[in-house]
Protein backbone atom coordinates (compact mmCIF):
# COMPACT_ATOMS: atom_id res chain seq x y z
CA MET A 1 80.16 1.79 69.37
CA SER A 2 79.94 5.09 67.97
CA GLY A 3 79.45 8.65 68.75
CA LEU A 4 81.77 11.26 69.85
CA VAL A 5 84.57 11.78 72.77
CA VAL A 6 85.35 15.34 73.23
CA VAL A 7 88.44 16.46 75.28
CA GLY A 8 88.96 20.10 76.45
CA VAL A 9 92.61 21.43 75.82
CA ASP A 10 94.23 24.78 76.75
CA GLY A 11 98.03 23.92 76.06
CA SER A 12 98.84 22.67 79.73
CA ALA A 13 100.52 19.38 79.98
CA SER A 14 97.61 18.35 81.85
CA SER A 15 95.25 19.03 78.83
CA LEU A 16 97.71 17.03 76.49
CA ALA A 17 97.67 14.15 79.07
CA ALA A 18 93.88 14.40 78.69
CA VAL A 19 94.17 14.09 74.93
CA GLU A 20 96.05 10.99 75.01
CA THR A 21 93.65 9.19 77.10
CA ALA A 22 90.57 10.83 75.05
CA ALA A 23 92.34 9.27 72.10
CA ARG A 24 92.20 5.82 73.57
CA GLU A 25 89.00 6.25 74.89
CA ALA A 26 87.83 6.74 71.14
CA ARG A 27 89.75 4.10 69.80
CA TRP A 28 87.95 1.67 72.35
CA ARG A 29 84.61 3.02 71.64
CA ARG A 30 85.16 3.18 67.88
CA ALA A 31 84.18 6.93 68.12
CA GLY A 32 85.37 10.28 66.66
CA LEU A 33 87.31 12.54 68.73
CA ARG A 34 86.68 16.17 69.05
CA VAL A 35 89.50 18.49 70.31
CA VAL A 36 87.89 21.58 71.81
CA HIS A 37 89.44 24.73 73.01
CA ALA A 38 87.20 27.50 74.64
CA PHE A 39 88.54 30.88 73.05
CA LEU A 40 87.83 33.38 75.99
CA TRP A 41 89.76 36.53 74.96
CA PRO A 42 87.32 37.43 71.66
CA ALA A 43 84.73 37.88 74.17
CA MET A 44 86.70 40.45 76.20
CA HIS A 45 87.64 42.37 73.08
CA VAL A 46 91.44 41.40 73.13
CA PRO A 47 93.57 42.24 70.26
CA LEU A 48 94.16 38.89 68.62
CA GLY A 49 96.57 39.60 65.93
CA PRO A 50 100.43 39.88 66.35
CA SER A 51 101.88 43.19 67.95
CA ALA A 52 103.22 45.53 65.25
CA LEU A 53 106.75 45.15 67.27
CA GLY A 54 106.45 41.41 67.51
CA PRO A 55 106.91 38.52 65.09
CA PRO A 56 104.15 37.78 62.46
CA GLU A 57 103.54 34.37 64.12
CA GLY A 58 102.76 36.14 67.64
CA GLY A 59 99.60 36.96 68.97
CA ILE A 60 96.86 35.21 70.74
CA ARG A 61 95.02 33.72 67.63
CA ASN A 62 98.23 32.15 66.51
CA MET A 63 99.05 30.78 69.83
CA VAL A 64 95.67 28.93 69.98
CA GLU A 65 95.98 27.66 66.68
CA HIS A 66 99.55 26.30 67.53
CA LEU A 67 97.95 24.59 70.84
CA VAL A 68 95.27 22.98 69.06
CA ALA A 69 97.13 21.75 66.09
CA GLU A 70 99.67 20.33 68.73
CA ALA A 71 96.70 18.31 70.72
CA VAL A 72 95.43 17.18 67.51
CA ALA A 73 98.79 16.11 66.47
CA CYS A 74 99.36 14.15 69.84
CA ALA A 75 95.85 12.49 69.17
CA ARG A 76 96.54 11.36 66.00
CA SER A 77 100.01 10.05 67.03
CA VAL A 78 98.07 7.78 69.76
CA ALA A 79 95.19 6.41 67.52
CA PRO A 80 96.04 7.17 63.97
CA GLU A 81 92.83 5.19 63.11
CA VAL A 82 90.61 7.54 65.24
CA ASP A 83 88.61 10.40 63.00
CA VAL A 84 90.04 13.55 64.90
CA SER A 85 88.24 17.12 64.46
CA HIS A 86 88.56 20.20 66.37
CA ALA A 87 86.89 23.34 67.06
CA VAL A 88 88.01 26.69 68.88
CA VAL A 89 84.62 27.99 70.30
CA ILE A 90 84.12 31.62 71.73
CA GLY A 91 83.06 31.26 75.46
CA GLU A 92 84.56 30.44 78.79
CA PRO A 93 85.79 26.62 79.32
CA LEU A 94 82.99 25.92 81.79
CA SER A 95 80.02 26.67 79.60
CA VAL A 96 81.79 25.66 76.31
CA LEU A 97 82.76 21.97 77.74
CA GLU A 98 79.13 21.75 79.40
CA ALA A 99 77.64 22.44 76.13
CA GLN A 100 79.78 20.12 74.42
CA SER A 101 78.71 17.30 77.04
CA ARG A 102 74.98 17.46 75.66
CA THR A 103 76.01 15.67 72.18
CA ALA A 104 78.95 13.58 73.42
CA GLN A 105 79.24 9.87 75.12
CA LEU A 106 82.34 11.19 76.97
CA VAL A 107 84.16 14.50 77.96
CA VAL A 108 87.68 14.25 78.97
CA VAL A 109 89.73 17.00 80.96
CA GLY A 110 93.00 17.24 82.53
CA SER A 111 92.89 17.65 86.33
CA ARG A 112 94.50 21.34 86.25
CA GLY A 113 94.81 23.75 83.45
CA MET A 114 96.42 26.88 82.74
CA GLY A 115 94.79 29.11 84.85
CA GLY A 116 95.37 26.71 87.98
CA PHE A 117 96.48 28.14 91.21
CA VAL A 118 99.65 26.74 92.77
CA GLY A 119 98.72 23.59 95.19
CA LEU A 120 95.37 23.48 93.67
CA LEU A 121 94.91 20.21 92.99
CA VAL A 122 92.09 19.93 90.68
CA GLY A 123 90.82 22.84 88.55
CA SER A 124 87.56 24.57 88.53
CA THR A 125 87.11 23.16 85.21
CA ALA A 126 87.29 19.49 85.73
CA VAL A 127 84.66 20.02 89.25
CA HIS A 128 82.47 22.24 87.58
CA LEU A 129 81.83 19.38 84.47
CA ALA A 130 81.71 16.67 86.91
CA ALA A 131 78.76 18.40 88.44
CA HIS A 132 76.99 19.81 85.74
CA GLY A 133 77.86 17.53 82.49
CA LYS A 134 75.12 16.11 80.71
CA CYS A 135 77.21 12.69 79.91
CA PRO A 136 79.93 10.90 81.73
CA VAL A 137 83.09 12.99 82.64
CA LEU A 138 86.58 11.50 83.01
CA VAL A 139 89.23 13.72 84.70
CA VAL A 140 92.57 12.62 84.03
CA ARG A 141 95.28 12.76 87.12
CA GLU A 142 97.85 10.56 87.99
CA ALA A 143 98.33 7.76 84.87
CA GLY A 144 97.31 4.81 87.19
CA ASP A 145 98.44 1.45 87.00
CA GLN A 146 97.33 0.43 83.41
CA ALA A 147 97.46 -3.30 84.58
CA GLY A 148 95.26 -2.69 87.43
CA PRO A 149 91.22 -2.86 87.65
CA VAL A 150 88.68 -0.52 87.11
CA VAL A 151 87.48 0.22 90.67
CA VAL A 152 84.04 1.34 90.89
CA GLY A 153 82.01 2.84 94.22
CA VAL A 154 78.98 0.85 94.96
CA ASP A 155 76.39 2.49 97.34
CA GLY A 156 72.99 1.42 96.22
CA SER A 157 71.70 4.66 95.09
CA ILE A 158 70.25 5.24 91.51
CA VAL A 159 73.39 7.24 90.47
CA GLY A 160 75.69 4.48 91.88
CA GLU A 161 73.84 2.24 89.59
CA GLN A 162 74.92 4.30 86.68
CA ALA A 163 78.30 4.28 87.95
CA VAL A 164 78.32 0.52 87.71
CA ASP A 165 76.85 0.41 84.39
CA PHE A 166 79.44 2.70 83.00
CA ALA A 167 82.29 0.82 84.98
CA PHE A 168 81.37 -2.77 83.41
CA ALA A 169 81.08 -0.96 79.89
CA GLU A 170 84.72 0.40 80.43
CA ALA A 171 86.21 -2.45 81.51
CA ALA A 172 84.94 -4.41 78.76
CA LEU A 173 86.44 -1.86 76.71
CA ARG A 174 89.67 -1.91 78.24
CA LYS A 175 89.71 -5.68 78.83
CA ALA A 176 90.03 -5.28 82.33
CA PRO A 177 88.68 -6.64 85.80
CA VAL A 178 85.96 -4.82 87.56
CA ARG A 179 86.86 -4.21 91.51
CA ALA A 180 83.36 -3.22 93.01
CA LEU A 181 84.15 -1.73 96.43
CA HIS A 182 81.52 -0.98 99.03
CA ALA A 183 82.13 0.85 102.23
CA TRP A 184 80.01 1.36 105.19
CA THR A 185 79.74 2.61 108.76
CA THR A 186 76.94 2.38 111.18
CA TRP A 187 76.46 5.95 110.64
CA ASN A 188 75.68 5.80 106.87
CA THR A 189 73.82 2.72 106.75
CA PRO A 190 69.99 2.57 106.95
CA LEU A 191 68.88 0.55 109.97
CA SER A 192 66.22 -1.96 109.16
CA ALA A 193 63.45 -3.05 111.85
CA PRO A 194 64.99 -4.48 115.01
CA GLN A 195 64.09 -8.17 114.69
CA ASP A 196 64.12 -8.52 118.99
CA ALA A 197 61.26 -6.20 120.03
CA ALA A 198 62.72 -6.40 123.62
CA VAL A 199 65.60 -4.19 122.53
CA PRO A 200 63.70 -1.77 120.01
CA TYR A 201 66.98 -0.23 118.72
CA ALA A 202 69.09 -3.37 118.57
CA ASN A 203 70.25 -5.12 115.44
CA PRO A 204 71.78 -8.86 115.85
CA PRO A 205 75.61 -9.11 115.44
CA GLY A 206 76.33 -9.17 111.95
CA ALA A 207 73.43 -7.99 110.56
CA LEU A 208 74.53 -4.49 109.22
CA ALA A 209 77.34 -6.31 107.31
CA ARG A 210 74.95 -8.94 105.87
CA GLU A 211 72.70 -6.11 104.71
CA GLU A 212 75.55 -4.40 103.12
CA GLU A 213 76.76 -7.49 101.56
CA ARG A 214 73.02 -8.00 100.18
CA LEU A 215 73.32 -4.40 98.75
CA VAL A 216 76.43 -5.03 96.57
CA SER A 217 75.06 -8.19 95.47
CA GLU A 218 72.04 -6.66 94.09
CA ALA A 219 73.95 -3.53 92.59
CA LEU A 220 75.88 -6.24 90.50
CA ALA A 221 72.90 -8.49 89.72
CA GLY A 222 72.68 -8.74 85.63
CA HIS A 223 75.98 -7.34 85.00
CA ARG A 224 77.91 -10.38 85.02
CA GLU A 225 75.69 -11.83 82.66
CA ARG A 226 75.81 -8.90 80.15
CA TYR A 227 79.41 -8.78 80.38
CA PRO A 228 80.49 -12.23 80.72
CA GLU A 229 84.00 -11.38 79.91
CA VAL A 230 84.47 -9.04 82.69
CA ALA A 231 86.04 -10.75 86.02
CA VAL A 232 84.44 -9.38 88.95
CA VAL A 233 85.74 -8.93 92.49
CA HIS A 234 83.51 -7.24 95.18
CA GLN A 235 84.77 -6.23 98.34
CA VAL A 236 82.82 -4.92 101.38
CA VAL A 237 84.86 -2.86 104.15
CA HIS A 238 83.87 -1.21 107.42
CA GLY A 239 85.29 2.19 106.99
CA ARG A 240 84.80 5.43 105.57
CA THR A 241 83.83 5.54 101.64
CA ARG A 242 86.29 8.25 100.66
CA GLU A 243 89.56 7.05 102.21
CA ALA A 244 88.70 3.41 100.87
CA LEU A 245 88.12 4.40 97.52
CA ILE A 246 91.29 6.81 97.53
CA GLU A 247 93.34 3.98 98.92
CA ALA A 248 92.01 1.34 96.37
CA SER A 249 92.93 4.13 93.08
CA ARG A 250 96.62 3.22 94.44
CA SER A 251 96.35 -0.03 92.15
CA ALA A 252 93.51 1.15 89.67
CA GLN A 253 93.76 1.98 86.02
CA LEU A 254 90.35 4.12 86.46
CA LEU A 255 88.31 4.84 89.31
CA VAL A 256 84.33 5.29 88.78
CA VAL A 257 82.05 7.12 91.21
CA GLY A 258 78.38 8.37 90.78
CA ALA A 259 78.17 12.05 91.07
CA ARG A 260 75.87 11.84 94.45
CA GLY A 261 75.49 8.91 96.53
CA ARG A 262 72.90 7.91 98.97
CA GLY A 263 73.98 10.24 101.43
CA GLY A 264 73.94 13.14 99.41
CA PHE A 265 71.83 16.48 100.22
CA ALA A 266 68.78 17.10 97.62
CA GLY A 267 70.08 19.70 95.12
CA LEU A 268 73.59 18.87 95.79
CA LEU A 269 74.99 18.06 92.43
CA LEU A 270 78.53 16.48 93.30
CA GLY A 271 78.83 14.81 96.57
CA SER A 272 81.46 15.02 99.15
CA VAL A 273 82.91 11.38 98.21
CA SER A 274 83.10 12.31 94.47
CA GLN A 275 84.99 15.85 95.48
CA ALA A 276 87.27 14.28 97.43
CA VAL A 277 88.01 11.57 94.65
CA LEU A 278 88.83 14.02 92.00
CA HIS A 279 91.12 15.79 94.35
CA HIS A 280 93.22 12.82 95.74
CA ALA A 281 92.85 9.65 93.52
CA HIS A 282 95.75 7.96 92.13
CA CYS A 283 94.67 7.32 88.98
CA PRO A 284 92.20 8.94 86.47
CA VAL A 285 88.81 9.40 87.70
CA ALA A 286 85.18 9.08 86.03
CA VAL A 287 82.25 10.64 87.45
CA ALA A 288 78.80 9.16 85.96
CA ARG A 289 76.33 11.52 85.53
CA GLY A 290 72.34 10.89 86.32
CA SER A 291 69.61 11.86 88.39
CA GLY A 292 69.55 11.94 91.97
CA GLY A 293 67.46 9.45 94.47
CA ARG A 294 67.93 6.03 95.97
CA ARG A 295 66.87 2.57 94.66
């Protein structure tokens, strides 16, 4: 495997945690790592050099060079064999990292940056990238259980299929099992035609549960053959999807979701379940980007 893993840095503790994760991802993928900082201040015509009254090592430009150097050193300490490059790009973080995602196989960011508001669980950059990135986006929240599985939300949508693809590939890289989780309620399950014409809106007992089991089996079809080394457990639960995934994340090393599921509104770039796990999951969250629609 080759290509490029991109990590956004801003000097925060959250972004350094993202650097460590990105370095491991690059090592697993045999990819290069690019450390990127979005340098907003030149566009605002702010003086970049040291103040005449301050030390020569002061100033915004020196600060940026220091934080990027710190991130590069951190990456090389985690994965010395990875080719690490860096770039300081003039622009605001959202547009800079979105542009970087066009040529990357993965973009990694921290859950909150230097500009985060107190009490905000996930920063705007992470949410924006999850909605607009052109490649999978990994948001580093809590460390997760490194002995746990890769949990993937399965819903039968085309976007969900891409999440399953990403989860199996990631599990193979990590040498971890996959836990495929599907949650359903009578409100988010499409009803099939009733078999009893005398009761036009009734389904036989257990029919919905069997339909959801079939959905998961179809979603996983072919992946066991493509990734024979990956152990797979699938779980179908009757309940709300976001709560089930957040609970499963407590014992996971990674949670993978699609950007939008089968209940998403047309034109909505990031579904409510994806947003919920980005804010509340207990492990890093990967959002697999893809086109909308239903299988």
